[in-house]
């Protein structure tokens, strides 16, 4: 997993290259923890992430215990398999996996395959 961090004022983009699985979870969490406290908007760019397992759900929907600042997180560049996993999780438990928070620019009608 390669992670590129780009910071612009209060926004940060983490661009990933590789699969999101439980081996990738610690470095991804570390990348978030390393962001400066003024970053309030976090965008995950998954353009080069062809696969995501349940670790991605933990990454996007389970708050860290680091006590760091609250950040608004969004995801861009979703490929077919990661999007399918997110849609399936939202279908099973829409309250826990609220995609409107993670994908705010996509109307709910477009969140179906």
N, C-alpha and C. Protein backbone atom coordinates (compact mmCIF):
# COMPACT_ATOMS: atom_id res chain seq x y z
N UNK A 1 0.84 -1.17 0.00
CA UNK A 1 0.00 0.00 0.00
C UNK A 1 0.89 1.24 0.00
N UNK A 2 0.71 2.07 -0.99
CA UNK A 2 1.38 3.37 -1.04
C UNK A 2 0.35 4.44 -0.71
N UNK A 3 0.74 5.38 0.12
CA UNK A 3 -0.15 6.45 0.56
C UNK A 3 0.54 7.78 0.26
N UNK A 4 -0.15 8.63 -0.47
CA UNK A 4 0.35 9.97 -0.75
C UNK A 4 -0.58 10.96 -0.08
N UNK A 5 -0.02 11.83 0.75
CA UNK A 5 -0.80 12.83 1.47
C UNK A 5 -0.55 14.20 0.88
N UNK A 6 -1.64 14.89 0.56
CA UNK A 6 -1.57 16.25 0.05
C UNK A 6 -2.42 17.13 0.96
N UNK A 7 -1.81 18.18 1.51
CA UNK A 7 -2.52 19.07 2.43
C UNK A 7 -2.62 20.44 1.79
N UNK A 8 -3.83 21.01 1.84
CA UNK A 8 -4.09 22.35 1.35
C UNK A 8 -4.96 23.06 2.38
N UNK A 9 -4.33 23.82 3.24
CA UNK A 9 -5.05 24.53 4.30
C UNK A 9 -5.67 23.56 5.29
N UNK A 10 -7.02 23.57 5.35
CA UNK A 10 -7.73 22.70 6.28
C UNK A 10 -8.19 21.39 5.63
N UNK A 11 -7.76 21.17 4.39
CA UNK A 11 -8.15 19.95 3.67
C UNK A 11 -6.94 19.07 3.41
N UNK A 12 -7.19 17.77 3.45
CA UNK A 12 -6.13 16.81 3.12
C UNK A 12 -6.72 15.74 2.20
N UNK A 13 -5.89 15.29 1.27
CA UNK A 13 -6.27 14.18 0.39
C UNK A 13 -5.26 13.06 0.61
N UNK A 14 -5.77 11.89 0.92
CA UNK A 14 -4.93 10.71 1.01
C UNK A 14 -5.22 9.86 -0.22
N UNK A 15 -4.24 9.76 -1.10
CA UNK A 15 -4.36 8.97 -2.32
C UNK A 15 -3.70 7.63 -2.08
N UNK A 16 -4.47 6.58 -2.30
CA UNK A 16 -3.99 5.23 -2.01
C UNK A 16 -3.69 4.50 -3.30
N UNK A 17 -2.69 3.65 -3.25
CA UNK A 17 -2.37 2.77 -4.37
C UNK A 17 -2.15 1.38 -3.78
N UNK A 18 -3.13 0.53 -3.99
CA UNK A 18 -3.06 -0.81 -3.42
C UNK A 18 -4.40 -1.19 -2.83
N UNK A 19 -4.45 -2.36 -2.25
CA UNK A 19 -5.68 -2.89 -1.68
C UNK A 19 -5.83 -2.49 -0.22
N UNK A 20 -7.07 -2.25 0.19
CA UNK A 20 -7.35 -1.97 1.59
C UNK A 20 -7.78 -3.29 2.24
N UNK A 21 -6.90 -3.81 3.10
CA UNK A 21 -7.19 -5.01 3.87
C UNK A 21 -6.63 -4.78 5.28
N UNK A 22 -6.72 -5.79 6.14
CA UNK A 22 -6.29 -5.57 7.52
C UNK A 22 -4.79 -5.30 7.64
N UNK A 23 -3.97 -5.76 6.69
CA UNK A 23 -2.55 -5.43 6.73
C UNK A 23 -2.32 -3.95 6.42
N UNK A 24 -3.18 -3.38 5.60
CA UNK A 24 -3.04 -1.97 5.22
C UNK A 24 -3.65 -1.03 6.25
N UNK A 25 -4.51 -1.54 7.12
CA UNK A 25 -5.23 -0.68 8.07
C UNK A 25 -4.31 0.11 9.01
N UNK A 26 -3.30 -0.48 9.65
CA UNK A 26 -2.43 0.31 10.55
C UNK A 26 -1.72 1.47 9.87
N UNK A 27 -1.11 1.28 8.68
CA UNK A 27 -0.48 2.44 8.05
C UNK A 27 -1.49 3.50 7.61
N UNK A 28 -2.69 3.08 7.24
CA UNK A 28 -3.72 4.06 6.85
C UNK A 28 -4.15 4.89 8.06
N UNK A 29 -4.37 4.22 9.17
CA UNK A 29 -4.72 4.95 10.40
C UNK A 29 -3.57 5.87 10.84
N UNK A 30 -2.34 5.40 10.68
CA UNK A 30 -1.18 6.22 11.04
C UNK A 30 -1.11 7.47 10.15
N UNK A 31 -1.44 7.32 8.88
CA UNK A 31 -1.43 8.48 7.97
C UNK A 31 -2.46 9.52 8.42
N UNK A 32 -3.62 9.06 8.87
CA UNK A 32 -4.64 9.98 9.38
C UNK A 32 -4.15 10.63 10.67
N UNK A 33 -3.58 9.84 11.57
CA UNK A 33 -3.10 10.37 12.85
C UNK A 33 -1.97 11.38 12.65
N UNK A 34 -1.23 11.26 11.56
CA UNK A 34 -0.11 12.18 11.30
C UNK A 34 -0.56 13.52 10.71
N UNK A 35 -1.82 13.63 10.34
CA UNK A 35 -2.30 14.90 9.78
C UNK A 35 -2.27 15.99 10.84
N UNK A 36 -1.96 17.22 10.44
CA UNK A 36 -1.95 18.31 11.41
C UNK A 36 -3.36 18.58 11.96
N UNK A 37 -3.46 19.10 13.16
CA UNK A 37 -4.77 19.29 13.78
C UNK A 37 -5.69 20.25 13.04
N UNK A 38 -5.13 21.15 12.22
CA UNK A 38 -5.98 22.10 11.51
C UNK A 38 -6.75 21.46 10.36
N UNK A 39 -6.41 20.23 9.98
CA UNK A 39 -7.11 19.55 8.90
C UNK A 39 -8.48 19.08 9.41
N UNK A 40 -9.53 19.63 8.81
CA UNK A 40 -10.89 19.28 9.21
C UNK A 40 -11.64 18.51 8.13
N UNK A 41 -11.13 18.53 6.90
CA UNK A 41 -11.73 17.80 5.79
C UNK A 41 -10.72 16.80 5.24
N UNK A 42 -11.11 15.54 5.22
CA UNK A 42 -10.24 14.48 4.75
C UNK A 42 -10.90 13.79 3.55
N UNK A 43 -10.21 13.76 2.43
CA UNK A 43 -10.73 13.09 1.24
C UNK A 43 -9.85 11.88 0.94
N UNK A 44 -10.47 10.73 0.91
CA UNK A 44 -9.80 9.49 0.52
C UNK A 44 -9.94 9.33 -0.98
N UNK A 45 -8.84 9.28 -1.70
CA UNK A 45 -8.86 9.08 -3.14
C UNK A 45 -8.53 7.61 -3.41
N UNK A 46 -9.56 6.86 -3.85
CA UNK A 46 -9.40 5.43 -4.08
C UNK A 46 -9.30 5.07 -5.56
N UNK A 47 -8.89 6.03 -6.37
CA UNK A 47 -8.78 5.80 -7.81
C UNK A 47 -7.90 4.59 -8.13
N UNK A 48 -6.86 4.37 -7.34
CA UNK A 48 -5.91 3.27 -7.58
C UNK A 48 -6.05 2.16 -6.54
N UNK A 49 -7.28 1.99 -6.04
CA UNK A 49 -7.58 0.96 -5.05
C UNK A 49 -8.62 0.02 -5.64
N UNK A 50 -8.18 -1.11 -6.23
CA UNK A 50 -9.13 -1.99 -6.90
C UNK A 50 -9.92 -2.90 -5.97
N UNK A 51 -9.42 -3.09 -4.73
CA UNK A 51 -10.06 -4.04 -3.81
C UNK A 51 -10.07 -3.48 -2.40
N UNK A 52 -11.17 -3.73 -1.71
CA UNK A 52 -11.29 -3.34 -0.30
C UNK A 52 -12.09 -4.43 0.40
N UNK A 53 -11.58 -4.92 1.53
CA UNK A 53 -12.37 -5.87 2.31
C UNK A 53 -12.98 -5.13 3.50
N UNK A 54 -13.45 -5.86 4.47
CA UNK A 54 -14.14 -5.26 5.61
C UNK A 54 -13.26 -4.25 6.36
N UNK A 55 -11.96 -4.33 6.18
CA UNK A 55 -11.06 -3.34 6.81
C UNK A 55 -11.40 -1.93 6.34
N UNK A 56 -11.84 -1.79 5.10
CA UNK A 56 -12.24 -0.47 4.60
C UNK A 56 -13.44 0.07 5.35
N UNK A 57 -14.36 -0.81 5.72
CA UNK A 57 -15.52 -0.38 6.52
C UNK A 57 -15.05 0.12 7.88
N UNK A 58 -14.11 -0.60 8.47
CA UNK A 58 -13.55 -0.15 9.75
C UNK A 58 -12.85 1.20 9.59
N UNK A 59 -12.11 1.37 8.52
CA UNK A 59 -11.38 2.60 8.29
C UNK A 59 -12.33 3.79 8.16
N UNK A 60 -13.39 3.63 7.38
CA UNK A 60 -14.28 4.76 7.10
C UNK A 60 -15.37 4.98 8.14
N UNK A 61 -15.74 3.95 8.90
CA UNK A 61 -16.89 4.08 9.78
C UNK A 61 -16.61 3.87 11.26
N UNK A 62 -15.41 3.46 11.63
CA UNK A 62 -15.08 3.27 13.05
C UNK A 62 -14.13 4.37 13.48
N UNK A 63 -14.57 5.21 14.41
CA UNK A 63 -13.67 6.28 14.85
C UNK A 63 -12.43 5.72 15.52
N UNK A 64 -11.34 6.44 15.36
CA UNK A 64 -10.10 6.02 16.02
C UNK A 64 -10.16 6.45 17.48
N UNK A 65 -9.33 5.84 18.27
CA UNK A 65 -9.28 6.17 19.69
C UNK A 65 -8.13 7.13 19.99
N UNK A 66 -7.55 7.71 18.96
CA UNK A 66 -6.39 8.56 19.17
C UNK A 66 -6.74 9.90 19.82
N UNK A 67 -8.03 10.21 19.88
CA UNK A 67 -8.41 11.48 20.50
C UNK A 67 -8.09 12.69 19.65
N UNK A 68 -7.76 12.47 18.38
CA UNK A 68 -7.44 13.57 17.48
C UNK A 68 -8.68 14.36 17.12
N UNK A 69 -8.50 15.37 16.28
CA UNK A 69 -9.63 16.22 15.90
C UNK A 69 -10.65 15.46 15.07
N UNK A 70 -11.91 15.88 15.18
CA UNK A 70 -12.98 15.31 14.34
C UNK A 70 -12.78 15.84 12.93
N UNK A 71 -12.92 14.96 11.97
CA UNK A 71 -12.74 15.35 10.57
C UNK A 71 -13.90 14.84 9.74
N UNK A 72 -14.31 15.63 8.78
CA UNK A 72 -15.31 15.21 7.82
C UNK A 72 -14.57 14.41 6.75
N UNK A 73 -14.94 13.16 6.57
CA UNK A 73 -14.26 12.29 5.61
C UNK A 73 -15.18 12.00 4.43
N UNK A 74 -14.61 12.08 3.23
CA UNK A 74 -15.33 11.71 2.01
C UNK A 74 -14.44 10.79 1.19
N UNK A 75 -15.05 10.10 0.25
CA UNK A 75 -14.32 9.17 -0.61
C UNK A 75 -14.58 9.54 -2.06
N UNK A 76 -13.51 9.53 -2.86
CA UNK A 76 -13.63 9.76 -4.30
C UNK A 76 -12.92 8.64 -5.04
N UNK A 77 -13.20 8.53 -6.32
CA UNK A 77 -12.50 7.56 -7.17
C UNK A 77 -12.85 6.12 -6.89
N UNK A 78 -14.05 5.87 -6.37
CA UNK A 78 -14.43 4.50 -6.05
C UNK A 78 -14.52 3.64 -7.30
N UNK A 79 -13.86 2.51 -7.24
CA UNK A 79 -13.94 1.53 -8.32
C UNK A 79 -15.05 0.53 -7.99
N UNK A 80 -15.33 -0.36 -8.88
CA UNK A 80 -16.51 -1.24 -8.77
C UNK A 80 -16.55 -2.06 -7.48
N UNK A 81 -15.48 -2.76 -7.14
CA UNK A 81 -15.53 -3.65 -5.97
C UNK A 81 -15.66 -2.87 -4.66
N UNK A 82 -14.85 -1.83 -4.42
CA UNK A 82 -15.04 -1.08 -3.17
C UNK A 82 -16.44 -0.45 -3.07
N UNK A 83 -16.95 0.07 -4.19
CA UNK A 83 -18.30 0.64 -4.18
C UNK A 83 -19.33 -0.43 -3.87
N UNK A 84 -19.18 -1.61 -4.44
CA UNK A 84 -20.13 -2.70 -4.17
C UNK A 84 -20.14 -3.07 -2.69
N UNK A 85 -18.96 -3.12 -2.08
CA UNK A 85 -18.88 -3.44 -0.66
C UNK A 85 -19.57 -2.37 0.17
N UNK A 86 -19.35 -1.10 -0.14
CA UNK A 86 -20.02 -0.02 0.60
C UNK A 86 -21.53 -0.09 0.43
N UNK A 87 -22.00 -0.35 -0.77
CA UNK A 87 -23.44 -0.44 -1.02
C UNK A 87 -24.05 -1.62 -0.28
N UNK A 88 -23.35 -2.75 -0.26
CA UNK A 88 -23.84 -3.92 0.44
C UNK A 88 -23.94 -3.65 1.95
N UNK A 89 -22.91 -3.02 2.50
CA UNK A 89 -22.92 -2.70 3.93
C UNK A 89 -24.06 -1.74 4.26
N UNK A 90 -24.27 -0.74 3.41
CA UNK A 90 -25.35 0.22 3.63
C UNK A 90 -26.71 -0.44 3.52
N UNK A 91 -26.82 -1.42 2.64
CA UNK A 91 -28.08 -2.14 2.48
C UNK A 91 -28.39 -2.97 3.73
N UNK A 92 -27.37 -3.58 4.32
CA UNK A 92 -27.55 -4.40 5.51
C UNK A 92 -27.84 -3.54 6.74
N UNK A 93 -27.11 -2.43 6.88
CA UNK A 93 -27.30 -1.57 8.06
C UNK A 93 -27.11 -0.10 7.65
N UNK A 94 -28.16 0.53 7.12
CA UNK A 94 -28.01 1.90 6.62
C UNK A 94 -27.70 2.92 7.71
N UNK A 95 -28.06 2.65 8.93
CA UNK A 95 -27.76 3.58 10.02
C UNK A 95 -26.28 3.57 10.35
N UNK A 96 -25.70 2.40 10.45
CA UNK A 96 -24.28 2.27 10.78
C UNK A 96 -23.39 2.71 9.62
N UNK A 97 -23.78 2.33 8.41
CA UNK A 97 -22.98 2.63 7.22
C UNK A 97 -23.70 3.71 6.40
N UNK A 98 -23.68 4.92 6.92
CA UNK A 98 -24.36 6.06 6.30
C UNK A 98 -23.51 6.60 5.15
N UNK A 99 -23.87 6.20 3.93
CA UNK A 99 -23.09 6.60 2.77
C UNK A 99 -23.28 8.06 2.41
N UNK A 100 -24.37 8.68 2.86
CA UNK A 100 -24.57 10.10 2.55
C UNK A 100 -23.48 10.95 3.21
N UNK A 101 -22.92 10.47 4.30
CA UNK A 101 -21.82 11.17 4.96
C UNK A 101 -20.52 10.97 4.18
N UNK A 102 -20.30 9.76 3.74
CA UNK A 102 -19.05 9.41 3.07
C UNK A 102 -19.03 9.83 1.60
N UNK A 103 -20.20 9.79 0.97
CA UNK A 103 -20.34 10.13 -0.45
C UNK A 103 -21.36 11.27 -0.59
N UNK A 104 -21.08 12.44 -0.06
CA UNK A 104 -22.11 13.49 0.02
C UNK A 104 -22.55 14.06 -1.32
N UNK A 105 -21.77 13.90 -2.37
CA UNK A 105 -22.13 14.47 -3.67
C UNK A 105 -22.96 13.52 -4.53
N UNK A 106 -23.24 12.33 -4.03
CA UNK A 106 -24.00 11.35 -4.80
C UNK A 106 -25.41 11.27 -4.23
N UNK A 107 -26.42 11.61 -5.01
CA UNK A 107 -27.80 11.49 -4.53
C UNK A 107 -28.12 10.04 -4.19
N UNK A 108 -28.97 9.79 -3.18
CA UNK A 108 -29.29 8.41 -2.76
C UNK A 108 -29.76 7.52 -3.90
N UNK A 109 -30.49 8.05 -4.88
CA UNK A 109 -30.96 7.22 -5.99
C UNK A 109 -29.81 6.67 -6.81
N UNK A 110 -28.69 7.36 -6.83
CA UNK A 110 -27.54 6.91 -7.61
C UNK A 110 -26.65 5.93 -6.85
N UNK A 111 -26.99 5.64 -5.59
CA UNK A 111 -26.17 4.75 -4.80
C UNK A 111 -26.55 3.28 -4.99
N UNK A 112 -27.27 2.97 -6.03
CA UNK A 112 -27.59 1.57 -6.30
C UNK A 112 -26.89 1.12 -7.56
N UNK A 113 -26.59 -0.14 -7.62
CA UNK A 113 -25.90 -0.68 -8.80
C UNK A 113 -26.88 -1.06 -9.87
